[in-house]
Amino acid sequence: MSIEVNNVVALSGQSYQIDWTEYERDRQGKQLATRRFRGIATVTLTPPQDEAIIRLNPIGLYIRDFDWTAQL
C-alpha cells in the first residue's frame, strides 16, 4: 500500500483538513484498489521539557484528535 497526501488546509490555528489517497497493489505492483479519504486533525504544540522527549519529538507536535471518512 502507498499513500499520497493530496491537500492540507488549515481550518484554525489547531485544526487541519487532510485529503489523501491510498493505493493498494499486489506483489507485482498492479494496482488493485484506490481509496480517497478526508480527515480532520486537531494538534497541539507542547515544547519538550527534557532530553528524552526532545529525542522522541523535538518540535513537540502532538495530535490530540483525528477523525476521518472515506470519500465517494
C-alpha atoms as a PDB file:
ATOM      1  CA  MET A   1       0.000   0.000   0.000  1.00  0.00           C
ATOM      2  CA  SER A   2       1.119   3.535  -0.686  1.00  0.00           C
ATOM      3  CA  ILE A   3      -0.371   6.827   0.426  1.00  0.00           C
ATOM      4  CA  GLU A   4      -0.384  10.172  -1.344  1.00  0.00           C
ATOM      5  CA  VAL A   5      -1.297  13.328   0.577  1.00  0.00           C
ATOM      6  CA  ASN A   6      -3.327  15.458  -1.831  1.00  0.00           C
ATOM      7  CA  ASN A   7      -4.170  18.507   0.234  1.00  0.00           C
ATOM      8  CA  VAL A   8      -3.714  20.027   3.692  1.00  0.00           C
ATOM      9  CA  VAL A   9      -5.807  23.061   4.650  1.00  0.00           C
ATOM     10  CA  ALA A  10      -5.598  24.955   7.947  1.00  0.00           C
ATOM     11  CA  LEU A  11      -9.089  25.291   9.400  1.00  0.00           C
ATOM     12  CA  SER A  12      -7.896  27.109  12.517  1.00  0.00           C
ATOM     13  CA  GLY A  13      -4.703  27.541  14.491  1.00  0.00           C
ATOM     14  CA  GLN A  14      -5.009  23.963  15.748  1.00  0.00           C
ATOM     15  CA  SER A  15      -7.146  22.092  13.181  1.00  0.00           C
ATOM     16  CA  TYR A  16      -6.249  20.881   9.705  1.00  0.00           C
ATOM     17  CA  GLN A  17      -8.207  19.169   6.960  1.00  0.00           C
ATOM     18  CA  ILE A  18      -6.151  16.483   5.212  1.00  0.00           C
ATOM     19  CA  ASP A  19      -7.146  14.782   1.948  1.00  0.00           C
ATOM     20  CA  TRP A  20      -5.234  11.666   0.937  1.00  0.00           C
ATOM     21  CA  THR A  21      -5.400   8.723  -1.447  1.00  0.00           C
ATOM     22  CA  GLU A  22      -4.464   5.137  -0.587  1.00  0.00           C
ATOM     23  CA  TYR A  23      -3.294   2.816  -3.350  1.00  0.00           C
ATOM     24  CA  GLU A  24      -3.411  -0.940  -2.797  1.00  0.00           C
ATOM     25  CA  ARG A  25      -1.165  -3.046  -5.033  1.00  0.00           C
ATOM     26  CA  ASP A  26      -0.416  -6.744  -5.460  1.00  0.00           C
ATOM     27  CA  ARG A  27       3.100  -8.212  -5.204  1.00  0.00           C
ATOM     28  CA  GLN A  28       3.753  -7.487  -8.886  1.00  0.00           C
ATOM     29  CA  GLY A  29       2.834  -3.823  -8.454  1.00  0.00           C
ATOM     30  CA  LYS A  30      -0.528  -3.990 -10.202  1.00  0.00           C
ATOM     31  CA  GLN A  31      -2.970  -1.556  -8.672  1.00  0.00           C
ATOM     32  CA  LEU A  32      -5.889  -3.380  -7.015  1.00  0.00           C
ATOM     33  CA  ALA A  33      -7.797  -0.550  -5.376  1.00  0.00           C
ATOM     34  CA  THR A  34      -7.766   3.210  -4.877  1.00  0.00           C
ATOM     35  CA  ARG A  35      -9.459   4.803  -1.885  1.00  0.00           C
ATOM     36  CA  ARG A  36      -9.807   8.503  -1.075  1.00  0.00           C
ATOM     37  CA  PHE A  37     -10.146   9.842   2.455  1.00  0.00           C
ATOM     38  CA  ARG A  38     -10.639  13.160   4.235  1.00  0.00           C
ATOM     39  CA  GLY A  39      -9.623  13.733   7.832  1.00  0.00           C
ATOM     40  CA  ILE A  40      -9.633  16.494  10.402  1.00  0.00           C
ATOM     41  CA  ALA A  41      -6.644  16.610  12.760  1.00  0.00           C
ATOM     42  CA  THR A  42      -6.517  18.734  15.892  1.00  0.00           C
ATOM     43  CA  VAL A  43      -2.960  19.343  17.024  1.00  0.00           C
ATOM     44  CA  THR A  44      -1.180  20.952  19.924  1.00  0.00           C
ATOM     45  CA  LEU A  45       2.374  22.208  20.379  1.00  0.00           C
ATOM     46  CA  THR A  46       3.989  21.413  23.722  1.00  0.00           C
ATOM     47  CA  PRO A  47       7.661  22.323  23.953  1.00  0.00           C
ATOM     48  CA  PRO A  48       9.716  19.351  25.173  1.00  0.00           C
ATOM     49  CA  GLN A  49      10.931  19.648  28.755  1.00  0.00           C
ATOM     50  CA  ASP A  50      13.696  17.044  28.920  1.00  0.00           C
ATOM     51  CA  GLU A  51      16.244  15.334  26.704  1.00  0.00           C
ATOM     52  CA  ALA A  52      14.291  12.065  26.374  1.00  0.00           C
ATOM     53  CA  ILE A  53      11.259  13.896  24.964  1.00  0.00           C
ATOM     54  CA  ILE A  54      13.467  16.021  22.695  1.00  0.00           C
ATOM     55  CA  ARG A  55      14.818  12.810  21.148  1.00  0.00           C
ATOM     56  CA  LEU A  56      11.311  11.423  20.562  1.00  0.00           C
ATOM     57  CA  ASN A  57       9.504  14.583  19.480  1.00  0.00           C
ATOM     58  CA  PRO A  58      11.881  17.552  19.063  1.00  0.00           C
ATOM     59  CA  ILE A  59       9.237  20.073  17.958  1.00  0.00           C
ATOM     60  CA  GLY A  60       6.598  18.948  20.469  1.00  0.00           C
ATOM     61  CA  LEU A  61       3.809  18.422  17.914  1.00  0.00           C
ATOM     62  CA  TYR A  62       1.030  16.133  19.156  1.00  0.00           C
ATOM     63  CA  ILE A  63      -2.221  15.047  17.516  1.00  0.00           C
ATOM     64  CA  ARG A  64      -4.997  15.463  20.078  1.00  0.00           C
ATOM     65  CA  ASP A  65      -7.852  14.266  17.888  1.00  0.00           C
ATOM     66  CA  PHE A  66      -8.209  12.734  14.439  1.00  0.00           C
ATOM     67  CA  ASP A  67     -11.421  11.867  12.609  1.00  0.00           C
ATOM     68  CA  TRP A  68     -11.626  10.598   9.043  1.00  0.00           C
ATOM     69  CA  THR A  69     -14.098   9.371   6.494  1.00  0.00           C
ATOM     70  CA  ALA A  70     -13.905   7.714   3.085  1.00  0.00           C
ATOM     71  CA  GLN A  71     -14.771   9.899   0.101  1.00  0.00           C
ATOM     72  CA  LEU A  72     -17.048   8.510  -2.585  1.00  0.00           C
END
